[in-house]
């Protein structure tokens, strides 16, 4: 693969829009309004006897509206992520949310009509829908939880200035934070992502100071941030339990993921039962680090190789990722390279920029946009591989409709986690220094903990928090319960200090997407199983893996996984993922 020097820069959003005003914005709004008017004119035709041509025209208009909506809506959100203090982006984002919500409300009757049809009538029309079959089936799965048209419109309007506004406020508050930290005798102000690099520092004192500074800043605003969460939960439960009659708060996420409640319950239960694997690992790690009888929570991600200030240039990191992808599949690597070549990665560390990392696949045929905060830490190379894996997944599914190319959340982690494993295996194969190999293996186990057990326990806490908030519990009671959950997770293997009771308010997913986090546990355990198969059969595995990715969101997760020989209802499938983690720990021993 030809190498190219990639430099750190902000992303290029011109494939969406050139700016917040101008002809392209106005034309987009006109296209949106025209499509909405055409659908409104079709209202009298929406009967069980609708003609094939009219039904297919309706679906085409729905695709057009989705395309324009994502183009207009995504520009504001991506620009805001690049600078959460950008007033133009905020104003544009708010304006688009209002316009797009109003338009969606005007054509809401289409979804309500579709859900109201008898099964036999709906099935006849589904046969005419081609690639949109699963999209239409999934919409009908919400039939029993759908309100009247006027009520659905009120909910949509409420969300724009209610829950969406609360999420924006949370982002504005937390992404503005600056953390005071002394590095090599020099006092600096760091972003959260810069500070996060120090939790993997060789020095125990530096690791402890990084965590304490993180929680000091969040604790100062904990009253406000916890109230945002409490109102988020109340809104979620009022709408979904009282109005929509879901059985439980998590059932809402499960249905949108098309993962049965019993599968999620089984996976979470297995994670609790297998927690001892990580507890045993942390006891061993305490011995390797010579840190006393118990590992401190501050030292969870401590490197085994204690004297490394290694930084990896961004261009070299990009090459490392592309080369590891290319060894697996040139097609896989070519799609990742397209994202880099299109300048769709915002890799800089900047004040006011959203922390963390994500990938946004906006519509088929255009490279997704990837946000990273690349600071040169070796760990950041794995983050780059993870997010580019997401991008490849979207590009593999680009032949599908805009309504079906996005995979459900749990399967959305398949390519990203698999990509990290490709990178780790490449690094292990190339490294000759036993100390470095050991550190790479330990880092892989640390990451497995962070992706499987930590994320599943976030969801276990969320389940309790939703119940506690419904009972009127306070922020202090939530803090105490989170600390209790954390100590249960680690058993007698890790000493957890009280400042970690504020950890939950630092997790954006808990605010933005309740119960999202089990998708990470699902994705890693699934990927471990798939990767094990790849190691066993070699290149023969590549076509079947690419086929899984190429489905996107055009088929049910259960169908996709059954085709790959996986029964997600079976507890043994989930335990097999933990067996692979045990094997990594055995290699370390």
Protein backbone atom coordinates (compact mmCIF):
# COMPACT_ATOMS: atom_id res chain seq x y z
CA UNK A 1 0.00 0.00 0.00
CA UNK A 2 1.40 3.41 -1.03
CA UNK A 3 2.24 5.53 1.98
CA UNK A 4 1.17 9.15 2.27
CA UNK A 5 2.08 11.68 4.91
CA UNK A 6 -1.09 12.43 6.85
CA UNK A 7 -1.07 15.53 9.01
CA UNK A 8 -3.25 16.37 11.97
CA UNK A 9 -5.99 18.81 11.04
CA UNK A 10 -9.64 19.66 11.48
CA UNK A 11 -12.06 17.75 9.29
CA UNK A 12 -13.38 18.99 5.96
CA UNK A 13 -17.19 19.24 6.06
CA UNK A 14 -17.60 20.56 2.49
CA UNK A 15 -19.17 17.27 1.30
CA UNK A 16 -22.08 18.28 3.52
CA UNK A 17 -22.26 22.06 3.22
CA UNK A 18 -19.84 24.95 2.61
CA UNK A 19 -21.17 26.88 5.62
CA UNK A 20 -24.20 27.81 7.71
CA UNK A 21 -25.70 29.99 4.97
CA UNK A 22 -25.78 30.34 1.20
CA UNK A 23 -27.38 28.71 -1.83
CA UNK A 24 -26.68 25.10 -0.80
CA UNK A 25 -28.44 25.55 2.53
CA UNK A 26 -31.42 27.25 0.89
CA UNK A 27 -31.62 24.60 -1.85
CA UNK A 28 -31.49 21.86 0.75
CA UNK A 29 -34.35 23.44 2.68
CA UNK A 30 -36.37 23.78 -0.55
CA UNK A 31 -35.76 20.09 -1.40
CA UNK A 32 -36.89 19.13 2.08
CA UNK A 33 -40.06 21.24 1.88
CA UNK A 34 -40.91 19.96 -1.62
CA UNK A 35 -40.63 16.33 -0.52
CA UNK A 36 -42.73 17.00 2.59
CA UNK A 37 -45.45 18.65 0.46
CA UNK A 38 -45.47 15.69 -1.94
CA UNK A 39 -45.94 13.24 0.92
CA UNK A 40 -48.69 15.40 2.45
CA UNK A 41 -50.51 15.30 -0.90
CA UNK A 42 -50.41 11.49 -0.79
CA UNK A 43 -52.31 11.23 2.49
CA UNK A 44 -55.65 10.24 0.87
CA UNK A 45 -53.88 7.36 -0.91
CA UNK A 46 -52.73 5.70 2.32
CA UNK A 47 -55.10 2.76 2.53
CA UNK A 48 -54.48 -1.00 2.56
CA UNK A 49 -55.25 -0.89 -1.19
CA UNK A 50 -52.49 1.63 -2.06
CA UNK A 51 -51.03 0.86 -5.50
CA UNK A 52 -47.55 -0.53 -6.03
CA UNK A 53 -46.42 2.64 -7.84
CA UNK A 54 -47.76 4.95 -5.12
CA UNK A 55 -46.21 2.87 -2.33
CA UNK A 56 -42.81 2.83 -4.02
CA UNK A 57 -43.06 6.56 -4.69
CA UNK A 58 -43.78 7.08 -1.00
CA UNK A 59 -40.67 5.12 -0.01
CA UNK A 60 -38.57 7.09 -2.49
CA UNK A 61 -39.76 10.37 -0.98
CA UNK A 62 -38.94 9.05 2.50
CA UNK A 63 -35.38 8.35 1.31
CA UNK A 64 -35.08 11.84 -0.17
CA UNK A 65 -36.23 13.43 3.08
CA UNK A 66 -33.82 11.30 5.10
CA UNK A 67 -30.93 12.27 2.81
CA UNK A 68 -31.59 16.02 3.04
CA UNK A 69 -32.32 15.83 6.78
CA UNK A 70 -29.04 14.10 7.53
CA UNK A 71 -27.11 16.49 5.33
CA UNK A 72 -28.54 19.60 7.00
CA UNK A 73 -28.68 18.17 10.50
CA UNK A 74 -25.24 16.53 10.51
CA UNK A 75 -23.39 19.65 9.40
CA UNK A 76 -24.43 21.56 12.51
CA UNK A 77 -23.72 18.66 14.87
CA UNK A 78 -20.29 17.94 13.39
CA UNK A 79 -19.27 21.58 13.36
CA UNK A 80 -20.46 21.90 16.98
CA UNK A 81 -18.41 18.81 17.93
CA UNK A 82 -15.34 20.51 16.47
CA UNK A 83 -15.96 23.57 18.65
CA UNK A 84 -18.63 23.37 21.34
CA UNK A 85 -18.40 27.13 21.87
CA UNK A 86 -19.11 27.96 18.18
CA UNK A 87 -22.17 30.24 18.33
CA UNK A 88 -22.86 30.00 14.57
CA UNK A 89 -22.87 26.20 14.77
CA UNK A 90 -25.17 26.30 17.80
CA UNK A 91 -27.62 28.65 16.09
CA UNK A 92 -27.59 26.61 12.87
CA UNK A 93 -28.03 23.36 14.78
CA UNK A 94 -30.99 24.77 16.68
CA UNK A 95 -32.58 26.19 13.53
CA UNK A 96 -32.22 22.91 11.62
CA UNK A 97 -33.56 20.85 14.51
CA UNK A 98 -36.66 23.03 14.60
CA UNK A 99 -37.25 22.97 10.82
CA UNK A 100 -36.58 19.26 10.44
CA UNK A 101 -38.75 18.40 13.44
CA UNK A 102 -41.62 20.49 12.08
CA UNK A 103 -41.32 18.72 8.72
CA UNK A 104 -41.15 15.30 10.36
CA UNK A 105 -44.28 16.12 12.35
CA UNK A 106 -46.15 17.02 9.15
CA UNK A 107 -45.49 13.57 7.64
CA UNK A 108 -45.75 11.63 10.87
CA UNK A 109 -49.04 10.23 9.61
CA UNK A 110 -47.11 7.93 7.23
CA UNK A 111 -45.45 5.98 10.04
CA UNK A 112 -48.68 5.85 12.01
CA UNK A 113 -50.57 4.53 8.97
CA UNK A 114 -47.88 1.93 8.35
CA UNK A 115 -48.00 0.66 11.94
CA UNK A 116 -51.82 0.56 11.91
CA UNK A 117 -52.10 -1.88 8.98
CA UNK A 118 -53.15 -5.46 9.52
CA UNK A 119 -50.24 -7.89 9.24
CA UNK A 120 -51.52 -9.47 6.01
CA UNK A 121 -51.89 -6.05 4.31
CA UNK A 122 -48.48 -4.93 5.51
CA UNK A 123 -46.79 -8.12 4.29
CA UNK A 124 -48.13 -7.61 0.76
CA UNK A 125 -46.54 -4.17 0.66
CA UNK A 126 -43.31 -5.34 2.27
CA UNK A 127 -42.89 -7.74 -0.66
CA UNK A 128 -42.67 -4.65 -2.92
CA UNK A 129 -40.05 -2.83 -0.82
CA UNK A 130 -36.78 -4.50 -1.86
CA UNK A 131 -33.89 -3.36 0.34
CA UNK A 132 -36.30 -1.58 2.69
CA UNK A 133 -37.94 -4.82 3.92
CA UNK A 134 -36.17 -4.90 7.30
CA UNK A 135 -36.60 -1.14 7.79
CA UNK A 136 -40.36 -1.53 7.38
CA UNK A 137 -40.53 -4.62 9.59
CA UNK A 138 -38.57 -2.87 12.33
CA UNK A 139 -40.92 0.13 12.23
CA UNK A 140 -43.88 -2.17 12.78
CA UNK A 141 -42.18 -3.70 15.83
CA UNK A 142 -42.99 -0.41 17.61
CA UNK A 143 -46.69 -0.75 16.80
CA UNK A 144 -47.77 -1.39 20.40
CA UNK A 145 -45.76 1.58 21.68
CA UNK A 146 -46.99 4.24 19.26
CA UNK A 147 -49.19 7.17 20.29
CA UNK A 148 -51.80 9.16 18.39
CA UNK A 149 -50.57 11.56 15.71
CA UNK A 150 -51.08 14.72 17.76
CA UNK A 151 -49.38 13.12 20.76
CA UNK A 152 -46.38 12.00 18.69
CA UNK A 153 -46.07 15.54 17.34
CA UNK A 154 -46.06 16.99 20.84
CA UNK A 155 -43.34 14.51 21.90
CA UNK A 156 -41.17 15.53 18.92
CA UNK A 157 -41.57 19.24 19.68
CA UNK A 158 -40.91 18.62 23.36
CA UNK A 159 -37.64 16.79 22.58
CA UNK A 160 -36.16 19.67 20.57
CA UNK A 161 -36.35 22.16 23.40
CA UNK A 162 -36.33 19.59 26.18
CA UNK A 163 -34.09 16.53 26.21
CA UNK A 164 -32.01 17.61 23.19
CA UNK A 165 -31.40 20.99 24.80
CA UNK A 166 -30.33 19.33 28.07
CA UNK A 167 -27.81 17.18 26.17
CA UNK A 168 -26.43 20.25 24.42
CA UNK A 169 -26.06 22.05 27.75
CA UNK A 170 -24.25 19.03 29.23
CA UNK A 171 -21.82 19.07 26.27
CA UNK A 172 -21.26 22.83 26.53
CA UNK A 173 -20.51 22.64 30.24
CA UNK A 174 -18.24 19.60 30.21
CA UNK A 175 -16.33 20.31 26.97
CA UNK A 176 -15.38 23.75 28.27
CA UNK A 177 -13.54 22.24 31.23
CA UNK A 178 -9.84 22.90 31.63
CA UNK A 179 -7.83 20.74 34.04
CA UNK A 180 -4.90 22.13 36.05
CA UNK A 181 -2.05 19.66 36.01
CA UNK A 182 1.66 19.74 36.71
CA UNK A 183 3.77 17.92 34.13
CA UNK A 184 7.54 17.62 34.71
CA UNK A 185 7.47 20.60 37.08
CA UNK A 186 5.50 22.74 34.63
CA UNK A 187 1.90 23.72 35.40
CA UNK A 188 -0.44 23.37 32.43
CA UNK A 189 -4.11 23.59 31.58
CA UNK A 190 -5.23 20.43 29.78
CA UNK A 191 -8.33 19.22 27.97
CA UNK A 192 -9.98 16.06 29.28
CA UNK A 193 -8.40 13.97 26.52
CA UNK A 194 -4.95 15.32 27.30
CA UNK A 195 -5.49 14.60 31.00
CA UNK A 196 -6.74 11.08 30.21
CA UNK A 197 -3.34 10.19 28.78
CA UNK A 198 -1.85 10.44 32.26
CA UNK A 199 -3.99 7.63 33.74
CA UNK A 200 -1.59 5.31 31.84
CA UNK A 201 1.52 7.12 33.05
CA UNK A 202 4.34 4.99 34.54
CA UNK A 203 4.25 6.98 37.81
CA UNK A 204 1.60 5.99 40.41
CA UNK A 205 1.58 9.55 41.77
CA UNK A 206 0.89 11.01 38.33
CA UNK A 207 -1.93 8.52 37.70
CA UNK A 208 -3.55 9.36 41.04
CA UNK A 209 -3.20 13.10 40.45
CA UNK A 210 -4.83 12.81 37.00
CA UNK A 211 -7.90 11.02 38.37
CA UNK A 212 -8.20 13.39 41.32
CA UNK A 213 -8.08 16.43 39.06
CA UNK A 214 -10.70 14.92 36.74
CA UNK A 215 -13.13 14.32 39.59
CA UNK A 216 -12.33 17.62 41.30
CA UNK A 217 -13.55 19.53 38.26
CA UNK A 218 -16.63 17.38 37.67
CA UNK A 219 -17.48 17.41 41.40
CA UNK A 220 -17.64 21.23 41.34
CA UNK A 221 -20.55 21.00 38.88
CA UNK A 222 -21.95 17.72 40.17
CA UNK A 223 -25.19 19.29 41.43
CA UNK A 224 -25.97 20.71 37.98
CA UNK A 225 -24.77 17.67 36.02
CA UNK A 226 -26.68 15.24 38.23
CA UNK A 227 -29.86 17.31 37.82
CA UNK A 228 -29.45 17.14 34.03
CA UNK A 229 -29.25 13.35 34.38
CA UNK A 230 -32.18 13.08 36.77
CA UNK A 231 -34.40 15.07 34.39
CA UNK A 232 -33.13 13.02 31.43
CA UNK A 233 -34.18 9.83 33.22
CA UNK A 234 -37.53 11.25 34.26
CA UNK A 235 -38.23 12.27 30.68
CA UNK A 236 -37.20 8.82 29.39
CA UNK A 237 -39.40 7.01 31.89
CA UNK A 238 -42.40 9.35 31.60
CA UNK A 239 -42.49 8.98 27.83
CA UNK A 240 -41.55 5.34 27.42
CA UNK A 241 -43.07 3.64 30.46
CA UNK A 242 -46.13 5.77 31.17
CA UNK A 243 -47.09 6.81 27.63
CA UNK A 244 -45.66 4.08 25.40
CA UNK A 245 -46.12 1.15 27.82
CA UNK A 246 -42.66 -0.38 27.56
CA UNK A 247 -42.03 -3.08 30.16
CA UNK A 248 -38.83 -1.48 31.44
CA UNK A 249 -36.53 1.48 30.65
CA UNK A 250 -33.92 -0.75 28.97
CA UNK A 251 -36.56 -2.42 26.76
CA UNK A 252 -36.72 0.80 24.72
CA UNK A 253 -33.06 0.48 23.74
CA UNK A 254 -33.37 -3.27 23.20
CA UNK A 255 -36.24 -2.87 20.75
CA UNK A 256 -34.46 -0.12 18.79
CA UNK A 257 -31.42 -2.44 18.62
CA UNK A 258 -33.71 -5.37 17.73
CA UNK A 259 -32.06 -7.41 20.47
CA UNK A 260 -34.54 -9.37 22.63
CA UNK A 261 -34.68 -8.47 26.34
CA UNK A 262 -33.68 -12.01 27.33
CA UNK A 263 -30.49 -11.80 25.22
CA UNK A 264 -29.39 -8.58 26.92
CA UNK A 265 -30.26 -10.00 30.35
CA UNK A 266 -28.27 -13.15 29.58
CA UNK A 267 -25.23 -11.21 28.40
CA UNK A 268 -25.25 -8.90 31.45
CA UNK A 269 -25.67 -11.88 33.80
CA UNK A 270 -22.72 -13.68 32.18
CA UNK A 271 -20.63 -10.50 32.56
CA UNK A 272 -21.42 -10.45 36.29
CA UNK A 273 -20.62 -14.15 36.64
CA UNK A 274 -17.35 -13.88 34.74
CA UNK A 275 -16.14 -10.74 36.55
CA UNK A 276 -13.81 -12.96 38.59
CA UNK A 277 -11.59 -13.35 35.50
CA UNK A 278 -10.70 -9.68 35.59
CA UNK A 279 -10.55 -9.66 39.39
CA UNK A 280 -7.91 -12.43 39.26
CA UNK A 281 -6.06 -10.50 36.56
CA UNK A 282 -5.97 -7.33 38.66
CA UNK A 283 -4.55 -9.29 41.61
CA UNK A 284 -1.78 -10.55 39.35
CA UNK A 285 -1.19 -7.08 37.98
CA UNK A 286 -0.73 -5.73 41.51
CA UNK A 287 2.08 -8.26 41.92
CA UNK A 288 3.67 -7.43 38.58
CA UNK A 289 3.62 -3.73 39.44
CA UNK A 290 4.84 -4.42 43.01
CA UNK A 291 2.11 -2.07 44.15
CA UNK A 292 1.20 -3.88 47.37
CA UNK A 293 -1.48 -6.39 48.25
CA UNK A 294 -4.16 -4.67 46.18
CA UNK A 295 -4.24 -2.68 42.98
CA UNK A 296 -5.61 0.83 43.46
CA UNK A 297 -8.33 1.97 41.06
CA UNK A 298 -5.90 4.73 40.08
CA UNK A 299 -3.52 2.04 38.78
CA UNK A 300 -5.96 -0.01 36.71
CA UNK A 301 -4.43 1.00 33.37
CA UNK A 302 -0.83 1.29 34.58
CA UNK A 303 1.69 0.08 31.99
CA UNK A 304 3.83 -2.91 32.96
CA UNK A 305 6.77 -1.29 31.19
CA UNK A 306 7.40 1.50 33.65
CA UNK A 307 9.82 3.71 31.76
CA UNK A 308 8.19 4.79 28.53
CA UNK A 309 7.40 8.28 27.34
CA UNK A 310 6.93 6.99 23.80
CA UNK A 311 4.93 9.18 21.42
CA UNK A 312 3.80 8.09 17.97
CA UNK A 313 3.56 10.63 15.17
CA UNK A 314 0.06 10.89 13.69
CA UNK A 315 1.16 10.01 10.16
CA UNK A 316 3.00 6.94 11.43
CA UNK A 317 -0.08 5.95 13.44
CA UNK A 318 -2.24 6.19 10.30
CA UNK A 319 0.26 4.02 8.41
CA UNK A 320 0.30 1.42 11.20
CA UNK A 321 -3.49 1.17 11.09
CA UNK A 322 -3.68 0.96 7.30
CA UNK A 323 -0.94 -1.66 7.12
CA UNK A 324 -2.65 -3.88 9.72
CA UNK A 325 -5.94 -3.54 7.79
CA UNK A 326 -4.21 -4.34 4.49
CA UNK A 327 -2.76 -7.58 5.84
CA UNK A 328 -6.32 -8.68 6.65
CA UNK A 329 -7.95 -7.41 3.46
CA UNK A 330 -6.83 -4.85 0.85
CA UNK A 331 -10.49 -3.91 0.35
CA UNK A 332 -10.86 -3.21 4.08
CA UNK A 333 -7.72 -1.03 4.06
CA UNK A 334 -8.73 0.86 0.89
CA UNK A 335 -11.97 1.99 2.49
CA UNK A 336 -10.17 3.25 5.59
CA UNK A 337 -7.65 5.08 3.40
CA UNK A 338 -10.50 6.85 1.59
CA UNK A 339 -11.60 8.45 4.87
CA UNK A 340 -8.08 9.78 5.44
CA UNK A 341 -7.66 10.95 1.84
CA UNK A 342 -11.01 12.76 1.92
CA UNK A 343 -9.82 14.70 5.01
CA UNK A 344 -12.81 13.49 6.99
CA UNK A 345 -10.83 13.01 10.23
CA UNK A 346 -10.60 15.75 12.85
CA UNK A 347 -7.57 14.51 14.77
CA UNK A 348 -6.35 17.72 16.46
CA UNK A 349 -6.47 18.40 20.18
CA UNK A 350 -8.12 21.81 20.61
CA UNK A 351 -9.69 23.79 23.41
CA UNK A 352 -13.50 23.61 23.18
CA UNK A 353 -13.51 20.57 20.91
CA UNK A 354 -15.67 17.64 21.99
CA UNK A 355 -13.66 15.06 23.90
CA UNK A 356 -13.33 11.38 23.12
CA UNK A 357 -13.78 9.90 19.68
CA UNK A 358 -16.63 8.91 17.37
CA UNK A 359 -17.47 8.07 13.77
CA UNK A 360 -20.48 9.58 11.96
CA UNK A 361 -21.62 7.82 8.81
CA UNK A 362 -24.05 10.38 7.40
CA UNK A 363 -25.24 8.78 4.17
CA UNK A 364 -24.12 6.05 1.74
CA UNK A 365 -21.48 6.82 -0.86
CA UNK A 366 -19.71 9.52 1.18
CA UNK A 367 -16.86 8.79 3.59
CA UNK A 368 -17.94 8.95 7.23
CA UNK A 369 -16.51 11.66 9.48
CA UNK A 370 -14.23 10.59 12.33
CA UNK A 371 -13.49 12.68 15.41
CA UNK A 372 -10.39 11.83 17.44
CA UNK A 373 -8.24 13.76 19.89
CA UNK A 374 -4.87 12.37 18.88
CA UNK A 375 -2.20 13.23 21.44
CA UNK A 376 0.50 10.80 20.32
CA UNK A 377 -0.05 8.27 23.12
CA UNK A 378 0.36 4.68 21.85
CA UNK A 379 -3.19 3.99 23.11
CA UNK A 380 -4.49 6.59 20.64
CA UNK A 381 -3.35 4.42 17.72
CA UNK A 382 -5.86 1.78 18.83
CA UNK A 383 -8.55 4.47 19.09
CA UNK A 384 -7.79 5.50 15.51
CA UNK A 385 -8.08 1.87 14.39
CA UNK A 386 -11.39 1.54 16.27
CA UNK A 387 -13.03 4.59 14.70
CA UNK A 388 -11.73 3.79 11.21
CA UNK A 389 -13.22 0.32 11.69
CA UNK A 390 -16.60 2.00 12.18
CA UNK A 391 -16.01 3.99 8.99
CA UNK A 392 -15.14 0.86 7.01
CA UNK A 393 -18.34 -0.77 8.28
CA UNK A 394 -20.40 2.13 6.91
CA UNK A 395 -18.58 2.07 3.57
CA UNK A 396 -19.00 -1.70 3.26
CA UNK A 397 -22.77 -1.14 3.48
CA UNK A 398 -22.89 1.80 1.05
CA UNK A 399 -24.88 -0.13 -1.56
CA UNK A 400 -27.91 -0.08 0.71
CA UNK A 401 -30.55 2.60 1.07
CA UNK A 402 -29.93 5.55 3.38
CA UNK A 403 -32.64 3.98 5.55
CA UNK A 404 -30.83 0.63 5.91
CA UNK A 405 -27.07 1.17 5.68
CA UNK A 406 -26.60 1.93 9.41
CA UNK A 407 -26.22 -1.25 11.47
CA UNK A 408 -27.84 -1.54 14.90
CA UNK A 409 -25.70 -0.39 17.84
CA UNK A 410 -24.46 -3.80 19.10
CA UNK A 411 -23.38 -4.93 15.61
CA UNK A 412 -21.99 -1.45 14.91
CA UNK A 413 -19.10 -2.29 17.26
CA UNK A 414 -18.12 -5.43 15.30
CA UNK A 415 -15.76 -3.87 12.75
CA UNK A 416 -14.34 -1.32 15.19
CA UNK A 417 -13.32 -3.84 17.86
CA UNK A 418 -12.10 -6.31 15.22
CA UNK A 419 -9.93 -3.52 13.79
CA UNK A 420 -8.30 -2.89 17.16
CA UNK A 421 -7.48 -6.58 17.42
CA UNK A 422 -5.90 -6.58 13.96
CA UNK A 423 -3.66 -3.71 15.04
CA UNK A 424 -2.72 -5.34 18.35
CA UNK A 425 -1.84 -8.65 16.68
CA UNK A 426 0.34 -6.84 14.15
CA UNK A 427 2.21 -5.02 16.92
CA UNK A 428 2.69 -8.28 18.84
CA UNK A 429 3.99 -10.06 15.73
CA UNK A 430 6.53 -7.33 14.94
CA UNK A 431 7.82 -6.74 18.47
CA UNK A 432 10.93 -8.64 19.61
CA UNK A 433 11.37 -7.12 23.06
CA UNK A 434 9.65 -9.42 25.64
CA UNK A 435 8.95 -6.46 27.95
CA UNK A 436 7.14 -4.61 25.18
CA UNK A 437 5.20 -7.74 24.17
CA UNK A 438 4.14 -8.20 27.78
CA UNK A 439 3.00 -4.58 27.99
CA UNK A 440 1.04 -4.89 24.73
CA UNK A 441 -0.73 -8.00 26.03
CA UNK A 442 -1.53 -6.30 29.34
CA UNK A 443 -2.85 -3.28 27.46
CA UNK A 444 -5.09 -5.58 25.39
CA UNK A 445 -6.50 -7.15 28.58
CA UNK A 446 -6.97 -3.69 30.12
CA UNK A 447 -8.89 -2.66 27.01
CA UNK A 448 -11.00 -5.82 27.17
CA UNK A 449 -11.91 -4.93 30.75
CA UNK A 450 -12.78 -1.36 29.73
CA UNK A 451 -14.91 -2.55 26.81
CA UNK A 452 -16.68 -5.54 28.34
CA UNK A 453 -16.95 -5.40 32.13
CA UNK A 454 -16.79 -1.65 32.68
CA UNK A 455 -19.44 -0.95 30.04
CA UNK A 456 -21.79 -3.70 31.24
CA UNK A 457 -21.56 -2.38 34.79
CA UNK A 458 -22.45 1.10 33.53
CA UNK A 459 -25.67 -0.45 32.23
CA UNK A 460 -26.27 -2.36 35.47
CA UNK A 461 -25.92 0.98 37.29
CA UNK A 462 -28.28 2.66 34.81
CA UNK A 463 -30.95 0.03 35.44
CA UNK A 464 -30.76 0.76 39.16
CA UNK A 465 -30.50 4.53 38.66
CA UNK A 466 -33.71 4.66 36.61
CA UNK A 467 -35.52 2.81 39.39
CA UNK A 468 -33.95 4.97 42.13
CA UNK A 469 -34.82 8.25 40.39
CA UNK A 470 -38.42 7.06 39.98
CA UNK A 471 -38.38 6.51 43.77
CA UNK A 472 -37.15 10.08 44.33
CA UNK A 473 -33.56 9.30 45.34
CA UNK A 474 -31.02 12.15 45.56
CA UNK A 475 -27.69 12.77 43.83
CA UNK A 476 -25.83 11.66 46.97
CA UNK A 477 -27.74 8.37 47.00
CA UNK A 478 -26.89 7.84 43.31
CA UNK A 479 -23.22 8.54 44.07
CA UNK A 480 -23.21 6.07 46.96
CA UNK A 481 -24.91 3.42 44.86
CA UNK A 482 -22.46 3.89 41.98
CA UNK A 483 -19.56 3.44 44.41
CA UNK A 484 -21.19 0.28 45.79
CA UNK A 485 -21.65 -1.08 42.25
CA UNK A 486 -18.01 -0.29 41.45
CA UNK A 487 -16.78 -2.15 44.54
CA UNK A 488 -18.96 -5.15 43.68
CA UNK A 489 -17.45 -5.17 40.20
CA UNK A 490 -13.87 -5.38 41.56
CA UNK A 491 -14.55 -7.61 44.58
CA UNK A 492 -11.46 -7.83 46.78
CA UNK A 493 -9.05 -7.24 43.87
CA UNK A 494 -9.00 -3.43 43.68
CA UNK A 495 -9.07 -0.66 46.27
CA UNK A 496 -11.66 1.92 45.16
CA UNK A 497 -11.39 5.36 46.75
CA UNK A 498 -14.44 7.56 47.33
CA UNK A 499 -13.60 10.11 44.63
CA UNK A 500 -14.69 7.49 42.07
CA UNK A 501 -18.32 7.97 43.16
CA UNK A 502 -18.38 10.85 40.64
CA UNK A 503 -17.29 8.72 37.70
CA UNK A 504 -20.81 8.18 36.35
CA UNK A 505 -21.41 11.90 35.74
CA UNK A 506 -18.33 11.90 33.47
CA UNK A 507 -19.84 9.36 31.03
CA UNK A 508 -21.62 11.17 28.13
CA UNK A 509 -23.31 8.00 26.81
CA UNK A 510 -25.31 7.68 30.04
CA UNK A 511 -26.77 11.11 29.32
CA UNK A 512 -27.11 11.09 25.54
CA UNK A 513 -28.14 7.46 24.90
CA UNK A 514 -29.45 5.56 27.94
CA UNK A 515 -28.34 1.92 28.00
CA UNK A 516 -26.13 2.45 24.93
CA UNK A 517 -23.06 1.02 26.67
CA UNK A 518 -23.99 -2.66 26.52
CA UNK A 519 -23.36 -2.38 22.77
CA UNK A 520 -19.63 -2.26 23.57
CA UNK A 521 -19.78 -5.44 25.67
CA UNK A 522 -21.86 -7.14 22.96
CA UNK A 523 -19.50 -5.96 20.24
CA UNK A 524 -16.27 -7.07 21.91
CA UNK A 525 -17.53 -10.51 22.97
CA UNK A 526 -18.89 -11.03 19.45
CA UNK A 527 -15.64 -9.80 17.87
CA UNK A 528 -13.54 -12.06 20.09
CA UNK A 529 -15.56 -15.01 18.81
CA UNK A 530 -15.21 -13.89 15.20
CA UNK A 531 -11.51 -13.11 15.59
CA UNK A 532 -10.91 -16.55 17.09
CA UNK A 533 -12.47 -18.02 13.97
CA UNK A 534 -10.22 -15.84 11.77
CA UNK A 535 -7.13 -17.10 13.63
CA UNK A 536 -8.27 -20.69 13.12
CA UNK A 537 -9.14 -20.61 9.41
CA UNK A 538 -7.07 -17.67 8.11
CA UNK A 539 -7.94 -15.84 4.89
CA UNK A 540 -10.92 -18.10 4.24
CA UNK A 541 -12.70 -16.14 6.98
CA UNK A 542 -12.35 -12.73 5.27
CA UNK A 543 -15.29 -12.98 2.79
CA UNK A 544 -17.75 -14.08 5.48
CA UNK A 545 -16.66 -11.24 7.79
CA UNK A 546 -16.97 -8.65 5.02
CA UNK A 547 -20.42 -10.05 4.25
CA UNK A 548 -21.49 -9.47 7.87
CA UNK A 549 -20.37 -5.84 7.54
CA UNK A 550 -22.01 -5.41 4.13
CA UNK A 551 -25.44 -6.08 5.63
CA UNK A 552 -25.35 -2.74 7.44
CA UNK A 553 -28.84 -2.37 8.91
CA UNK A 554 -30.67 -4.23 6.14
CA UNK A 555 -31.35 -7.40 8.18
CA UNK A 556 -32.10 -8.33 11.79
CA UNK A 557 -29.06 -8.91 14.04
CA UNK A 558 -30.32 -12.40 14.83
CA UNK A 559 -30.46 -13.24 11.09
CA UNK A 560 -26.96 -11.86 10.45
CA UNK A 561 -25.45 -13.74 13.40
CA UNK A 562 -27.25 -17.01 12.64
CA UNK A 563 -25.72 -16.88 9.18
CA UNK A 564 -22.34 -16.65 10.92
CA UNK A 565 -23.24 -19.67 13.08
CA UNK A 566 -23.88 -17.70 16.28
CA UNK A 567 -26.80 -18.15 18.70
CA UNK A 568 -26.92 -14.99 20.80
CA UNK A 569 -29.50 -16.54 23.19
CA UNK A 570 -26.95 -19.12 24.32
CA UNK A 571 -25.00 -18.13 27.49
CA UNK A 572 -22.10 -20.29 26.29
CA UNK A 573 -21.58 -17.99 23.32
CA UNK A 574 -20.95 -15.08 25.69
CA UNK A 575 -18.75 -17.22 27.94
CA UNK A 576 -16.62 -18.12 24.91
CA UNK A 577 -15.68 -14.45 24.65
CA UNK A 578 -14.42 -14.55 28.23
CA UNK A 579 -12.48 -17.73 27.42
CA UNK A 580 -10.55 -15.75 24.79
CA UNK A 581 -9.78 -13.11 27.45
CA UNK A 582 -8.56 -15.88 29.79
CA UNK A 583 -6.23 -17.05 27.02
CA UNK A 584 -4.71 -13.56 26.77
CA UNK A 585 -4.11 -13.52 30.52
CA UNK A 586 -2.54 -17.00 30.31
CA UNK A 587 -0.12 -15.70 27.67
CA UNK A 588 0.85 -12.94 30.07
CA UNK A 589 1.49 -15.48 32.85
